[in-house]
Amino acid sequence: MTVTTRRNAEQIASPKIAGRRLAVGAAGMAFASELIHLWVLPGEFTLAPMRGAFFLLVAMAQGALAVNLLFGPRRWTLRLGLILNVAIVATWAFTRLVGLPMLITFVRLPVGWLDLTATALEIALIATLIALRRMDPSAVARTRG
């Protein structure tokens, strides 16, 4: 059984610690999304090199976003992360609803559990980045110790 003192309760509820935990959670979601994109990368490169290049760029961008979130994100990092993830989710939805343009017609891609998981992570990441943008910038900054 743990005894929570008043000082511990104030420290847990402080906006600085809450913002830092939110940033670390967002970094975890970005890393998970990056790993999923890297997991499917070899198969995509063998099927269509252009799609493989897209997956490689998305994985690299998600990894860079995750690292920036861990080391004290700035406003531009949050804004760029939002734009990136909204574009990724929109691209996923477009390729599943309308399809990829081929020679004569559009070919819709099937929905799989990996891409659905990555998209769910990216939607949750969008919501977390919006919450981080609304916080005080000093509450998101990296704390010592």
C-alpha atoms as a PDB file:
ATOM      1  CA  MET A   1       0.000   0.000   0.000  1.00  0.00           C
ATOM      2  CA  THR A   2       1.395   3.378  -0.979  1.00  0.00           C
ATOM      3  CA  VAL A   3       0.945   6.536   0.947  1.00  0.00           C
ATOM      4  CA  THR A   4       0.376   9.550  -1.253  1.00  0.00           C
ATOM      5  CA  THR A   5       1.538  12.745   0.321  1.00  0.00           C
ATOM      6  CA  ARG A   6       0.273  16.153  -0.637  1.00  0.00           C
ATOM      7  CA  ARG A   7       3.547  16.941  -2.375  1.00  0.00           C
ATOM      8  CA  ASN A   8       3.357  13.746  -4.470  1.00  0.00           C
ATOM      9  CA  ALA A   9      -0.253  14.460  -5.421  1.00  0.00           C
ATOM     10  CA  GLU A  10       0.657  18.002  -6.534  1.00  0.00           C
ATOM     11  CA  GLN A  11       3.638  16.690  -8.481  1.00  0.00           C
ATOM     12  CA  ILE A  12       1.540  14.070 -10.274  1.00  0.00           C
ATOM     13  CA  ALA A  13      -1.127  16.633 -11.177  1.00  0.00           C
ATOM     14  CA  SER A  14       1.297  19.323 -12.323  1.00  0.00           C
ATOM     15  CA  PRO A  15       0.869  20.416 -15.939  1.00  0.00           C
ATOM     16  CA  LYS A  16       4.587  20.021 -16.619  1.00  0.00           C
ATOM     17  CA  ILE A  17       4.575  16.315 -15.706  1.00  0.00           C
ATOM     18  CA  ALA A  18       1.267  15.737 -17.492  1.00  0.00           C
ATOM     19  CA  GLY A  19       2.598  17.420 -20.636  1.00  0.00           C
ATOM     20  CA  ARG A  20       5.793  15.399 -20.509  1.00  0.00           C
ATOM     21  CA  ARG A  21       3.866  12.139 -20.114  1.00  0.00           C
ATOM     22  CA  LEU A  22       1.651  13.104 -23.033  1.00  0.00           C
ATOM     23  CA  ALA A  23       4.720  13.819 -25.193  1.00  0.00           C
ATOM     24  CA  VAL A  24       6.287  10.470 -24.271  1.00  0.00           C
ATOM     25  CA  GLY A  25       3.023   8.687 -25.079  1.00  0.00           C
ATOM     26  CA  ALA A  26       2.858  10.447 -28.441  1.00  0.00           C
ATOM     27  CA  ALA A  27       6.456   9.413 -29.133  1.00  0.00           C
ATOM     28  CA  GLY A  28       5.536   5.809 -28.362  1.00  0.00           C
ATOM     29  CA  MET A  29       2.635   5.941 -30.824  1.00  0.00           C
ATOM     30  CA  ALA A  30       4.882   7.447 -33.513  1.00  0.00           C
ATOM     31  CA  PHE A  31       7.522   4.743 -32.917  1.00  0.00           C
ATOM     32  CA  ALA A  32       4.867   2.001 -33.124  1.00  0.00           C
ATOM     33  CA  SER A  33       3.542   3.432 -36.381  1.00  0.00           C
ATOM     34  CA  GLU A  34       7.103   3.624 -37.711  1.00  0.00           C
ATOM     35  CA  LEU A  35       7.721  -0.031 -36.839  1.00  0.00           C
ATOM     36  CA  ILE A  36       4.566  -1.131 -38.658  1.00  0.00           C
ATOM     37  CA  HIS A  37       5.598   0.799 -41.766  1.00  0.00           C
ATOM     38  CA  LEU A  38       9.078  -0.717 -41.600  1.00  0.00           C
ATOM     39  CA  TRP A  39       7.566  -4.183 -41.141  1.00  0.00           C
ATOM     40  CA  VAL A  40       5.620  -4.007 -44.424  1.00  0.00           C
ATOM     41  CA  LEU A  41       8.350  -2.114 -46.300  1.00  0.00           C
ATOM     42  CA  PRO A  42      10.102  -5.121 -47.969  1.00  0.00           C
ATOM     43  CA  GLY A  43       6.829  -6.486 -49.346  1.00  0.00           C
ATOM     44  CA  GLU A  44       5.785  -3.101 -50.676  1.00  0.00           C
ATOM     45  CA  PHE A  45       9.146  -2.580 -52.384  1.00  0.00           C
ATOM     46  CA  THR A  46       8.844  -5.908 -54.197  1.00  0.00           C
ATOM     47  CA  LEU A  47       5.254  -5.217 -55.328  1.00  0.00           C
ATOM     48  CA  ALA A  48       5.617  -1.575 -56.313  1.00  0.00           C
ATOM     49  CA  PRO A  49       8.828   0.401 -55.762  1.00  0.00           C
ATOM     50  CA  MET A  50       6.982   3.745 -55.635  1.00  0.00           C
ATOM     51  CA  ARG A  51       4.713   2.512 -52.838  1.00  0.00           C
ATOM     52  CA  GLY A  52       7.782   1.127 -51.091  1.00  0.00           C
ATOM     53  CA  ALA A  53       9.459   4.533 -51.303  1.00  0.00           C
ATOM     54  CA  PHE A  54       6.331   6.100 -49.815  1.00  0.00           C
ATOM     55  CA  PHE A  55       6.417   3.643 -46.894  1.00  0.00           C
ATOM     56  CA  LEU A  56      10.108   4.357 -46.363  1.00  0.00           C
ATOM     57  CA  LEU A  57       9.504   8.126 -46.250  1.00  0.00           C
ATOM     58  CA  VAL A  58       6.572   7.699 -43.863  1.00  0.00           C
ATOM     59  CA  ALA A  59       8.640   5.477 -41.548  1.00  0.00           C
ATOM     60  CA  MET A  60      11.537   7.942 -41.554  1.00  0.00           C
ATOM     61  CA  ALA A  61       9.225  10.876 -40.836  1.00  0.00           C
ATOM     62  CA  GLN A  62       7.456   9.030 -37.993  1.00  0.00           C
ATOM     63  CA  GLY A  63      10.819   8.124 -36.449  1.00  0.00           C
ATOM     64  CA  ALA A  64      12.051  11.709 -36.649  1.00  0.00           C
ATOM     65  CA  LEU A  65       8.794  12.934 -35.110  1.00  0.00           C
ATOM     66  CA  ALA A  66       9.097  10.419 -32.258  1.00  0.00           C
ATOM     67  CA  VAL A  67      12.663  11.475 -31.471  1.00  0.00           C
ATOM     68  CA  ASN A  68      11.674  15.155 -31.518  1.00  0.00           C
ATOM     69  CA  LEU A  69       8.769  14.422 -29.173  1.00  0.00           C
ATOM     70  CA  LEU A  70      11.122  12.725 -26.719  1.00  0.00           C
ATOM     71  CA  PHE A  71      13.595  15.620 -26.642  1.00  0.00           C
ATOM     72  CA  GLY A  72      11.215  18.486 -25.974  1.00  0.00           C
ATOM     73  CA  PRO A  73       8.990  19.238 -28.950  1.00  0.00           C
ATOM     74  CA  ARG A  74       8.610  22.769 -30.215  1.00  0.00           C
ATOM     75  CA  ARG A  75       5.515  24.276 -31.815  1.00  0.00           C
ATOM     76  CA  TRP A  76       6.751  23.590 -35.347  1.00  0.00           C
ATOM     77  CA  THR A  77       7.361  19.932 -34.463  1.00  0.00           C
ATOM     78  CA  LEU A  78       3.788  19.554 -33.275  1.00  0.00           C
ATOM     79  CA  ARG A  79       2.435  21.383 -36.343  1.00  0.00           C
ATOM     80  CA  LEU A  80       4.545  19.321 -38.749  1.00  0.00           C
ATOM     81  CA  GLY A  81       3.561  16.099 -36.955  1.00  0.00           C
ATOM     82  CA  LEU A  82      -0.099  17.007 -37.290  1.00  0.00           C
ATOM     83  CA  ILE A  83       0.240  17.752 -41.007  1.00  0.00           C
ATOM     84  CA  LEU A  84       2.197  14.538 -41.581  1.00  0.00           C
ATOM     85  CA  ASN A  85      -0.234  12.262 -39.770  1.00  0.00           C
ATOM     86  CA  VAL A  86      -3.347  13.866 -41.248  1.00  0.00           C
ATOM     87  CA  ALA A  87      -1.816  13.366 -44.716  1.00  0.00           C
ATOM     88  CA  ILE A  88      -1.005   9.722 -43.936  1.00  0.00           C
ATOM     89  CA  VAL A  89      -4.525   8.990 -42.646  1.00  0.00           C
ATOM     90  CA  ALA A  90      -6.083  10.799 -45.632  1.00  0.00           C
ATOM     91  CA  THR A  91      -3.905   8.816 -48.048  1.00  0.00           C
ATOM     92  CA  TRP A  92      -4.869   5.565 -46.344  1.00  0.00           C
ATOM     93  CA  ALA A  93      -8.581   6.446 -46.498  1.00  0.00           C
ATOM     94  CA  PHE A  94      -8.317   7.505 -50.153  1.00  0.00           C
ATOM     95  CA  THR A  95      -6.604   4.282 -51.220  1.00  0.00           C
ATOM     96  CA  ARG A  96      -9.197   2.182 -49.372  1.00  0.00           C
ATOM     97  CA  LEU A  97     -12.302   4.106 -50.491  1.00  0.00           C
ATOM     98  CA  VAL A  98     -11.383   5.337 -53.985  1.00  0.00           C
ATOM     99  CA  GLY A  99      -8.275   3.333 -54.821  1.00  0.00           C
ATOM    100  CA  LEU A 100      -4.909   3.745 -56.470  1.00  0.00           C
ATOM    101  CA  PRO A 101      -4.889   5.091 -60.005  1.00  0.00           C
ATOM    102  CA  MET A 102      -3.812   2.393 -62.457  1.00  0.00           C
ATOM    103  CA  LEU A 103      -3.746   2.521 -66.250  1.00  0.00           C
ATOM    104  CA  ILE A 104      -7.484   2.623 -66.916  1.00  0.00           C
ATOM    105  CA  THR A 105      -9.266   2.564 -63.572  1.00  0.00           C
ATOM    106  CA  PHE A 106      -8.746   2.917 -59.822  1.00  0.00           C
ATOM    107  CA  VAL A 107      -7.921  -0.220 -57.853  1.00  0.00           C
ATOM    108  CA  ARG A 108      -9.025  -0.256 -54.220  1.00  0.00           C
ATOM    109  CA  LEU A 109      -6.611  -1.733 -51.696  1.00  0.00           C
ATOM    110  CA  PRO A 110      -7.880  -4.219 -49.099  1.00  0.00           C
ATOM    111  CA  VAL A 111      -8.045  -3.326 -45.420  1.00  0.00           C
ATOM    112  CA  GLY A 112      -5.649  -5.405 -43.339  1.00  0.00           C
ATOM    113  CA  TRP A 113      -5.067  -5.593 -39.619  1.00  0.00           C
ATOM    114  CA  LEU A 114      -1.580  -4.031 -39.823  1.00  0.00           C
ATOM    115  CA  ASP A 115      -2.672  -0.980 -41.778  1.00  0.00           C
ATOM    116  CA  LEU A 116      -5.750  -0.610 -39.611  1.00  0.00           C
ATOM    117  CA  THR A 117      -3.551  -0.707 -36.493  1.00  0.00           C
ATOM    118  CA  ALA A 118      -1.149   1.872 -37.929  1.00  0.00           C
ATOM    119  CA  THR A 119      -4.042   4.140 -38.890  1.00  0.00           C
ATOM    120  CA  ALA A 120      -5.602   3.844 -35.431  1.00  0.00           C
ATOM    121  CA  LEU A 121      -2.235   4.751 -33.891  1.00  0.00           C
ATOM    122  CA  GLU A 122      -1.930   7.738 -36.219  1.00  0.00           C
ATOM    123  CA  ILE A 123      -5.446   8.961 -35.376  1.00  0.00           C
ATOM    124  CA  ALA A 124      -4.635   8.683 -31.657  1.00  0.00           C
ATOM    125  CA  LEU A 125      -1.347  10.485 -32.342  1.00  0.00           C
ATOM    126  CA  ILE A 126      -3.237  13.302 -34.078  1.00  0.00           C
ATOM    127  CA  ALA A 127      -5.468  13.715 -31.023  1.00  0.00           C
ATOM    128  CA  THR A 128      -2.441  13.694 -28.701  1.00  0.00           C
ATOM    129  CA  LEU A 129      -0.588  16.254 -30.815  1.00  0.00           C
ATOM    130  CA  ILE A 130      -3.642  18.522 -30.753  1.00  0.00           C
ATOM    131  CA  ALA A 131      -3.729  18.228 -26.952  1.00  0.00           C
ATOM    132  CA  LEU A 132      -0.003  19.027 -26.769  1.00  0.00           C
ATOM    133  CA  ARG A 133      -0.451  22.078 -29.000  1.00  0.00           C
ATOM    134  CA  ARG A 134      -3.122  23.430 -26.674  1.00  0.00           C
ATOM    135  CA  MET A 135      -0.858  23.117 -23.633  1.00  0.00           C
ATOM    136  CA  ASP A 136       1.553  25.726 -22.397  1.00  0.00           C
ATOM    137  CA  PRO A 137       4.874  25.275 -24.274  1.00  0.00           C
ATOM    138  CA  SER A 138       6.785  25.102 -20.996  1.00  0.00           C
ATOM    139  CA  ALA A 139       4.588  22.194 -19.873  1.00  0.00           C
ATOM    140  CA  VAL A 140       5.785  20.062 -22.776  1.00  0.00           C
ATOM    141  CA  ALA A 141       9.484  20.854 -22.415  1.00  0.00           C
ATOM    142  CA  ARG A 142      11.844  18.112 -21.282  1.00  0.00           C
ATOM    143  CA  THR A 143      12.346  18.017 -17.534  1.00  0.00           C
ATOM    144  CA  ARG A 144      15.581  17.027 -15.810  1.00  0.00           C
ATOM    145  CA  GLY A 145      15.865  13.913 -13.751  1.00  0.00           C
END
